[in-house]
Amino acid sequence: MKRWVVHGRASFRASHALRSYRGRPEPPHEHPWTVEIRAGTDDLDGEAMALDFHALRTLLEQALAPLDGSDLNAHPEIGRPSPSAERLAEVVAGWLGPAVEQLGGRLLTVSVWEGPDNRVDLELE
């Protein structure tokens, strides 16, 4: 069995403060955030493409655009229970899973970088 995997990546800046980091609230601070998605399909289309790179990236950019410059604690989905990188990955997966299916693929992973060095991967299969 073969699978074609297409990647899309986008970035934004936002502040957050974990609600209980090591037993106490964290001070608010800002990070650059990067989100990468991987979507897969088993077949190529009539143009010999798995998924359209541009369409996949556009979905991701549109989903993240409202977060740029925001306070993730105030976001109704990301802010509770705590606005962690893991929570951001989970929410983005929920937003994009159906849209990726409409493109003919399946969302496989959502990776979130909090700053340049710290990353979490949510694997969906």
N, C-alpha and C. Protein backbone atom coordinates (compact mmCIF):
# COMPACT_ATOMS: atom_id res chain seq x y z
N MET A 1 0.84 -1.18 0.00
CA MET A 1 0.00 0.00 0.00
C MET A 1 0.89 1.24 0.00
N LYS A 2 0.49 2.22 -0.76
CA LYS A 2 1.23 3.48 -0.76
C LYS A 2 0.31 4.61 -0.33
N ARG A 3 0.90 5.64 0.22
CA ARG A 3 0.15 6.83 0.63
C ARG A 3 0.99 8.04 0.26
N TRP A 4 0.33 9.02 -0.32
CA TRP A 4 0.95 10.30 -0.61
C TRP A 4 0.66 11.23 0.56
N VAL A 5 1.68 11.91 1.06
CA VAL A 5 1.52 12.80 2.21
C VAL A 5 1.97 14.20 1.80
N VAL A 6 1.06 15.15 1.96
CA VAL A 6 1.30 16.55 1.60
C VAL A 6 1.35 17.37 2.89
N HIS A 7 2.32 18.29 2.95
CA HIS A 7 2.52 19.11 4.15
C HIS A 7 2.13 20.56 3.86
N GLY A 8 1.58 21.21 4.87
CA GLY A 8 1.31 22.64 4.81
C GLY A 8 1.75 23.27 6.12
N ARG A 9 2.30 24.49 6.06
CA ARG A 9 2.81 25.14 7.26
C ARG A 9 2.45 26.62 7.23
N ALA A 10 2.10 27.16 8.40
CA ALA A 10 1.81 28.59 8.53
C ALA A 10 2.19 29.02 9.95
N SER A 11 2.43 30.33 10.11
CA SER A 11 2.87 30.87 11.39
C SER A 11 2.05 32.09 11.79
N PHE A 12 2.06 32.36 13.08
CA PHE A 12 1.42 33.55 13.62
C PHE A 12 2.06 33.86 14.96
N ARG A 13 1.76 35.02 15.53
CA ARG A 13 2.23 35.40 16.86
C ARG A 13 1.00 35.55 17.76
N ALA A 14 1.11 35.05 18.97
CA ALA A 14 0.01 35.18 19.93
C ALA A 14 0.57 35.03 21.34
N SER A 15 -0.15 35.59 22.28
CA SER A 15 0.24 35.44 23.68
C SER A 15 -0.60 34.34 24.32
N HIS A 16 -0.11 33.86 25.43
CA HIS A 16 -0.84 32.88 26.24
C HIS A 16 -0.23 32.83 27.63
N ALA A 17 -0.90 32.19 28.54
CA ALA A 17 -0.40 31.92 29.88
C ALA A 17 -1.08 30.65 30.36
N LEU A 18 -0.30 29.62 30.58
CA LEU A 18 -0.88 28.38 31.09
C LEU A 18 -1.54 28.65 32.43
N ARG A 19 -2.68 28.06 32.64
CA ARG A 19 -3.47 28.37 33.83
C ARG A 19 -2.92 27.75 35.11
N SER A 20 -2.16 26.67 34.99
CA SER A 20 -1.54 26.05 36.16
C SER A 20 -0.26 25.36 35.73
N TYR A 21 0.80 26.13 35.59
CA TYR A 21 2.10 25.58 35.21
C TYR A 21 2.90 25.34 36.48
N ARG A 22 3.15 24.08 36.78
CA ARG A 22 3.85 23.70 38.00
C ARG A 22 3.14 24.23 39.25
N GLY A 23 1.80 24.18 39.19
CA GLY A 23 1.00 24.51 40.35
C GLY A 23 0.56 25.96 40.49
N ARG A 24 0.96 26.82 39.55
CA ARG A 24 0.52 28.22 39.63
C ARG A 24 0.33 28.79 38.23
N PRO A 25 -0.45 29.86 38.13
CA PRO A 25 -0.65 30.49 36.83
C PRO A 25 0.66 31.07 36.28
N GLU A 26 0.84 30.88 35.01
CA GLU A 26 2.03 31.38 34.33
C GLU A 26 1.82 32.86 33.96
N PRO A 27 2.85 33.69 33.97
CA PRO A 27 2.67 35.07 33.50
C PRO A 27 2.38 35.09 32.00
N PRO A 28 1.53 36.01 31.54
CA PRO A 28 1.28 36.11 30.10
C PRO A 28 2.57 36.45 29.34
N HIS A 29 2.74 35.81 28.20
CA HIS A 29 3.91 36.05 27.35
C HIS A 29 3.54 35.71 25.91
N GLU A 30 4.32 36.23 24.99
CA GLU A 30 4.03 36.03 23.56
C GLU A 30 5.07 35.09 22.95
N HIS A 31 4.60 34.33 21.96
CA HIS A 31 5.48 33.43 21.20
C HIS A 31 5.18 33.59 19.72
N PRO A 32 6.17 33.25 18.88
CA PRO A 32 5.81 32.89 17.52
C PRO A 32 5.31 31.44 17.57
N TRP A 33 4.24 31.16 16.87
CA TRP A 33 3.68 29.82 16.78
C TRP A 33 3.74 29.38 15.32
N THR A 34 4.07 28.14 15.09
CA THR A 34 4.03 27.56 13.75
C THR A 34 3.20 26.30 13.82
N VAL A 35 2.32 26.15 12.85
CA VAL A 35 1.48 24.95 12.78
C VAL A 35 1.73 24.29 11.43
N GLU A 36 2.04 23.01 11.46
CA GLU A 36 2.20 22.23 10.24
C GLU A 36 1.17 21.11 10.25
N ILE A 37 0.54 20.93 9.11
CA ILE A 37 -0.38 19.80 8.97
C ILE A 37 0.16 18.86 7.91
N ARG A 38 -0.17 17.59 8.07
CA ARG A 38 0.14 16.56 7.08
C ARG A 38 -1.18 15.91 6.70
N ALA A 39 -1.43 15.84 5.41
CA ALA A 39 -2.65 15.22 4.91
C ALA A 39 -2.26 14.15 3.90
N GLY A 40 -3.00 13.05 3.91
CA GLY A 40 -2.65 11.95 3.04
C GLY A 40 -3.80 11.49 2.17
N THR A 41 -3.41 10.85 1.09
CA THR A 41 -4.37 10.20 0.20
C THR A 41 -3.65 9.02 -0.46
N ASP A 42 -4.41 8.03 -0.84
CA ASP A 42 -3.82 6.83 -1.44
C ASP A 42 -3.72 6.91 -2.95
N ASP A 43 -4.38 7.90 -3.55
CA ASP A 43 -4.43 7.97 -5.00
C ASP A 43 -4.05 9.35 -5.50
N LEU A 44 -3.62 9.41 -6.75
CA LEU A 44 -3.38 10.68 -7.42
C LEU A 44 -4.60 11.03 -8.25
N ASP A 45 -4.81 12.33 -8.44
CA ASP A 45 -5.95 12.76 -9.26
C ASP A 45 -5.56 12.75 -10.74
N GLY A 46 -6.43 13.25 -11.59
CA GLY A 46 -6.21 13.27 -13.03
C GLY A 46 -5.02 14.10 -13.47
N GLU A 47 -4.57 15.01 -12.60
CA GLU A 47 -3.39 15.83 -12.87
C GLU A 47 -2.13 15.22 -12.26
N ALA A 48 -2.24 14.00 -11.76
CA ALA A 48 -1.14 13.30 -11.09
C ALA A 48 -0.71 14.02 -9.81
N MET A 49 -1.69 14.61 -9.11
CA MET A 49 -1.42 15.27 -7.82
C MET A 49 -2.18 14.53 -6.73
N ALA A 50 -1.56 14.48 -5.55
CA ALA A 50 -2.23 13.89 -4.39
C ALA A 50 -3.27 14.87 -3.86
N LEU A 51 -2.80 16.01 -3.37
CA LEU A 51 -3.64 17.10 -2.89
C LEU A 51 -2.99 18.40 -3.36
N ASP A 52 -3.77 19.40 -3.56
CA ASP A 52 -3.27 20.69 -4.01
C ASP A 52 -2.55 21.38 -2.84
N PHE A 53 -1.21 21.61 -2.99
CA PHE A 53 -0.42 22.28 -1.96
C PHE A 53 -1.06 23.61 -1.55
N HIS A 54 -1.42 24.39 -2.57
CA HIS A 54 -1.93 25.74 -2.32
C HIS A 54 -3.27 25.71 -1.58
N ALA A 55 -4.13 24.79 -1.94
CA ALA A 55 -5.43 24.69 -1.27
C ALA A 55 -5.24 24.27 0.18
N LEU A 56 -4.34 23.34 0.44
CA LEU A 56 -4.09 22.87 1.80
C LEU A 56 -3.52 24.01 2.66
N ARG A 57 -2.54 24.72 2.13
CA ARG A 57 -1.95 25.83 2.87
C ARG A 57 -2.96 26.95 3.11
N THR A 58 -3.80 27.22 2.11
CA THR A 58 -4.83 28.25 2.26
C THR A 58 -5.79 27.90 3.38
N LEU A 59 -6.22 26.63 3.47
CA LEU A 59 -7.08 26.20 4.57
C LEU A 59 -6.43 26.50 5.91
N LEU A 60 -5.15 26.15 6.03
CA LEU A 60 -4.44 26.35 7.27
C LEU A 60 -4.28 27.84 7.58
N GLU A 61 -3.88 28.63 6.60
CA GLU A 61 -3.70 30.07 6.81
C GLU A 61 -5.01 30.74 7.22
N GLN A 62 -6.11 30.36 6.60
CA GLN A 62 -7.41 30.94 6.95
C GLN A 62 -7.82 30.56 8.37
N ALA A 63 -7.52 29.34 8.77
CA ALA A 63 -7.87 28.90 10.13
C ALA A 63 -7.05 29.65 11.18
N LEU A 64 -5.80 29.94 10.87
CA LEU A 64 -4.91 30.58 11.85
C LEU A 64 -4.97 32.10 11.85
N ALA A 65 -5.43 32.70 10.77
CA ALA A 65 -5.43 34.17 10.64
C ALA A 65 -6.08 34.87 11.83
N PRO A 66 -7.24 34.42 12.33
CA PRO A 66 -7.85 35.12 13.46
C PRO A 66 -7.03 35.04 14.75
N LEU A 67 -6.08 34.11 14.83
CA LEU A 67 -5.27 33.96 16.04
C LEU A 67 -4.09 34.92 16.07
N ASP A 68 -3.69 35.46 14.93
CA ASP A 68 -2.52 36.33 14.86
C ASP A 68 -2.75 37.59 15.71
N GLY A 69 -1.83 37.83 16.64
CA GLY A 69 -1.92 38.98 17.52
C GLY A 69 -2.90 38.82 18.67
N SER A 70 -3.45 37.63 18.84
CA SER A 70 -4.48 37.42 19.86
C SER A 70 -3.89 36.92 21.18
N ASP A 71 -4.77 36.85 22.17
CA ASP A 71 -4.48 36.23 23.45
C ASP A 71 -5.19 34.87 23.43
N LEU A 72 -4.44 33.80 23.36
CA LEU A 72 -5.05 32.47 23.26
C LEU A 72 -5.87 32.11 24.50
N ASN A 73 -5.58 32.72 25.64
CA ASN A 73 -6.40 32.47 26.83
C ASN A 73 -7.83 32.92 26.62
N ALA A 74 -8.04 33.96 25.83
CA ALA A 74 -9.37 34.51 25.60
C ALA A 74 -10.14 33.77 24.52
N HIS A 75 -9.49 32.86 23.80
CA HIS A 75 -10.16 32.14 22.72
C HIS A 75 -11.12 31.11 23.32
N PRO A 76 -12.38 31.08 22.86
CA PRO A 76 -13.37 30.19 23.49
C PRO A 76 -13.05 28.69 23.38
N GLU A 77 -12.32 28.27 22.37
CA GLU A 77 -11.99 26.85 22.24
C GLU A 77 -10.59 26.53 22.75
N ILE A 78 -9.63 27.38 22.45
CA ILE A 78 -8.23 27.11 22.79
C ILE A 78 -7.93 27.44 24.25
N GLY A 79 -8.62 28.44 24.81
CA GLY A 79 -8.30 28.93 26.14
C GLY A 79 -8.64 28.02 27.29
N ARG A 80 -9.50 27.04 27.07
CA ARG A 80 -9.90 26.14 28.15
C ARG A 80 -9.63 24.70 27.77
N PRO A 81 -9.12 23.85 28.61
CA PRO A 81 -8.83 24.16 29.99
C PRO A 81 -7.57 25.02 30.17
N SER A 82 -6.62 24.95 29.26
CA SER A 82 -5.42 25.79 29.30
C SER A 82 -4.89 25.91 27.87
N PRO A 83 -4.41 27.08 27.48
CA PRO A 83 -4.00 27.30 26.09
C PRO A 83 -2.59 26.77 25.79
N SER A 84 -2.45 25.48 25.86
CA SER A 84 -1.16 24.81 25.59
C SER A 84 -1.00 24.55 24.10
N ALA A 85 0.20 24.20 23.71
CA ALA A 85 0.45 23.80 22.32
C ALA A 85 -0.38 22.57 21.97
N GLU A 86 -0.54 21.68 22.94
CA GLU A 86 -1.35 20.48 22.71
C GLU A 86 -2.80 20.85 22.45
N ARG A 87 -3.32 21.79 23.21
CA ARG A 87 -4.72 22.22 23.02
C ARG A 87 -4.89 22.88 21.66
N LEU A 88 -3.92 23.71 21.27
CA LEU A 88 -3.98 24.34 19.95
C LEU A 88 -3.99 23.28 18.86
N ALA A 89 -3.16 22.26 18.95
CA ALA A 89 -3.14 21.18 17.95
C ALA A 89 -4.49 20.48 17.88
N GLU A 90 -5.07 20.20 19.02
CA GLU A 90 -6.37 19.51 19.07
C GLU A 90 -7.47 20.33 18.42
N VAL A 91 -7.50 21.63 18.70
CA VAL A 91 -8.53 22.50 18.13
C VAL A 91 -8.34 22.65 16.63
N VAL A 92 -7.11 22.86 16.18
CA VAL A 92 -6.84 22.99 14.74
C VAL A 92 -7.25 21.71 14.01
N ALA A 93 -6.98 20.56 14.60
CA ALA A 93 -7.38 19.29 13.98
C ALA A 93 -8.89 19.24 13.79
N GLY A 94 -9.62 19.68 14.79
CA GLY A 94 -11.08 19.70 14.67
C GLY A 94 -11.58 20.65 13.60
N TRP A 95 -10.92 21.80 13.48
CA TRP A 95 -11.30 22.76 12.44
C TRP A 95 -11.01 22.23 11.04
N LEU A 96 -9.85 21.60 10.85
CA LEU A 96 -9.39 21.29 9.50
C LEU A 96 -9.71 19.88 9.01
N GLY A 97 -10.00 18.96 9.89
CA GLY A 97 -10.27 17.59 9.45
C GLY A 97 -11.33 17.51 8.36
N PRO A 98 -12.52 18.08 8.56
CA PRO A 98 -13.56 18.01 7.51
C PRO A 98 -13.17 18.75 6.23
N ALA A 99 -12.46 19.86 6.36
CA ALA A 99 -12.07 20.63 5.17
C ALA A 99 -11.05 19.86 4.33
N VAL A 100 -10.13 19.16 4.98
CA VAL A 100 -9.15 18.36 4.25
C VAL A 100 -9.86 17.20 3.54
N GLU A 101 -10.87 16.64 4.16
CA GLU A 101 -11.64 15.58 3.51
C GLU A 101 -12.33 16.09 2.25
N GLN A 102 -12.80 17.33 2.28
CA GLN A 102 -13.42 17.92 1.08
C GLN A 102 -12.41 18.09 -0.06
N LEU A 103 -11.13 18.23 0.29
CA LEU A 103 -10.08 18.31 -0.74
C LEU A 103 -9.72 16.93 -1.28
N GLY A 104 -10.23 15.88 -0.65
CA GLY A 104 -9.94 14.52 -1.11
C GLY A 104 -8.88 13.80 -0.30
N GLY A 105 -8.53 14.35 0.86
CA GLY A 105 -7.51 13.72 1.69
C GLY A 105 -7.99 13.47 3.10
N ARG A 106 -7.06 13.08 3.93
CA ARG A 106 -7.35 12.83 5.34
C ARG A 106 -6.27 13.48 6.17
N LEU A 107 -6.66 14.24 7.19
CA LEU A 107 -5.70 14.88 8.07
C LEU A 107 -4.99 13.80 8.88
N LEU A 108 -3.66 13.79 8.82
CA LEU A 108 -2.87 12.77 9.49
C LEU A 108 -2.22 13.27 10.78
N THR A 109 -1.63 14.46 10.71
CA THR A 109 -0.99 15.03 11.89
C THR A 109 -1.15 16.54 11.91
N VAL A 110 -1.11 17.07 13.11
CA VAL A 110 -1.02 18.51 13.34
C VAL A 110 0.16 18.70 14.28
N SER A 111 1.15 19.46 13.84
CA SER A 111 2.32 19.77 14.67
C SER A 111 2.30 21.24 15.02
N VAL A 112 2.58 21.54 16.28
CA VAL A 112 2.59 22.93 16.75
C VAL A 112 3.93 23.22 17.40
N TRP A 113 4.58 24.28 16.90
CA TRP A 113 5.80 24.78 17.51
C TRP A 113 5.44 25.98 18.37
N GLU A 114 5.83 25.94 19.63
CA GLU A 114 5.71 27.08 20.53
C GLU A 114 7.11 27.67 20.60
N GLY A 115 7.32 28.74 19.84
CA GLY A 115 8.67 29.25 19.68
C GLY A 115 9.40 28.40 18.65
N PRO A 116 10.70 28.62 18.50
CA PRO A 116 11.43 27.92 17.44
C PRO A 116 11.85 26.50 17.77
N ASP A 117 11.85 26.12 19.04
CA ASP A 117 12.46 24.84 19.41
C ASP A 117 11.53 23.80 20.01
N ASN A 118 10.37 24.20 20.50
CA ASN A 118 9.48 23.27 21.21
C ASN A 118 8.30 22.89 20.32
N ARG A 119 8.13 21.60 20.11
CA ARG A 119 7.10 21.11 19.20
C ARG A 119 6.34 19.95 19.81
N VAL A 120 5.04 19.92 19.52
CA VAL A 120 4.21 18.78 19.87
C VAL A 120 3.52 18.30 18.60
N ASP A 121 3.37 16.99 18.47
CA ASP A 121 2.71 16.39 17.31
C ASP A 121 1.45 15.66 17.77
N LEU A 122 0.34 15.96 17.13
CA LEU A 122 -0.89 15.21 17.35
C LEU A 122 -1.06 14.29 16.15
N GLU A 123 -0.96 12.99 16.39
CA GLU A 123 -1.13 11.99 15.32
C GLU A 123 -2.57 11.51 15.35
N LEU A 124 -3.22 11.58 14.19
CA LEU A 124 -4.65 11.30 14.11
C LEU A 124 -4.97 9.90 13.61
N GLU A 125 -3.97 9.09 13.37
CA GLU A 125 -4.24 7.69 13.00
C GLU A 125 -3.28 6.76 13.64
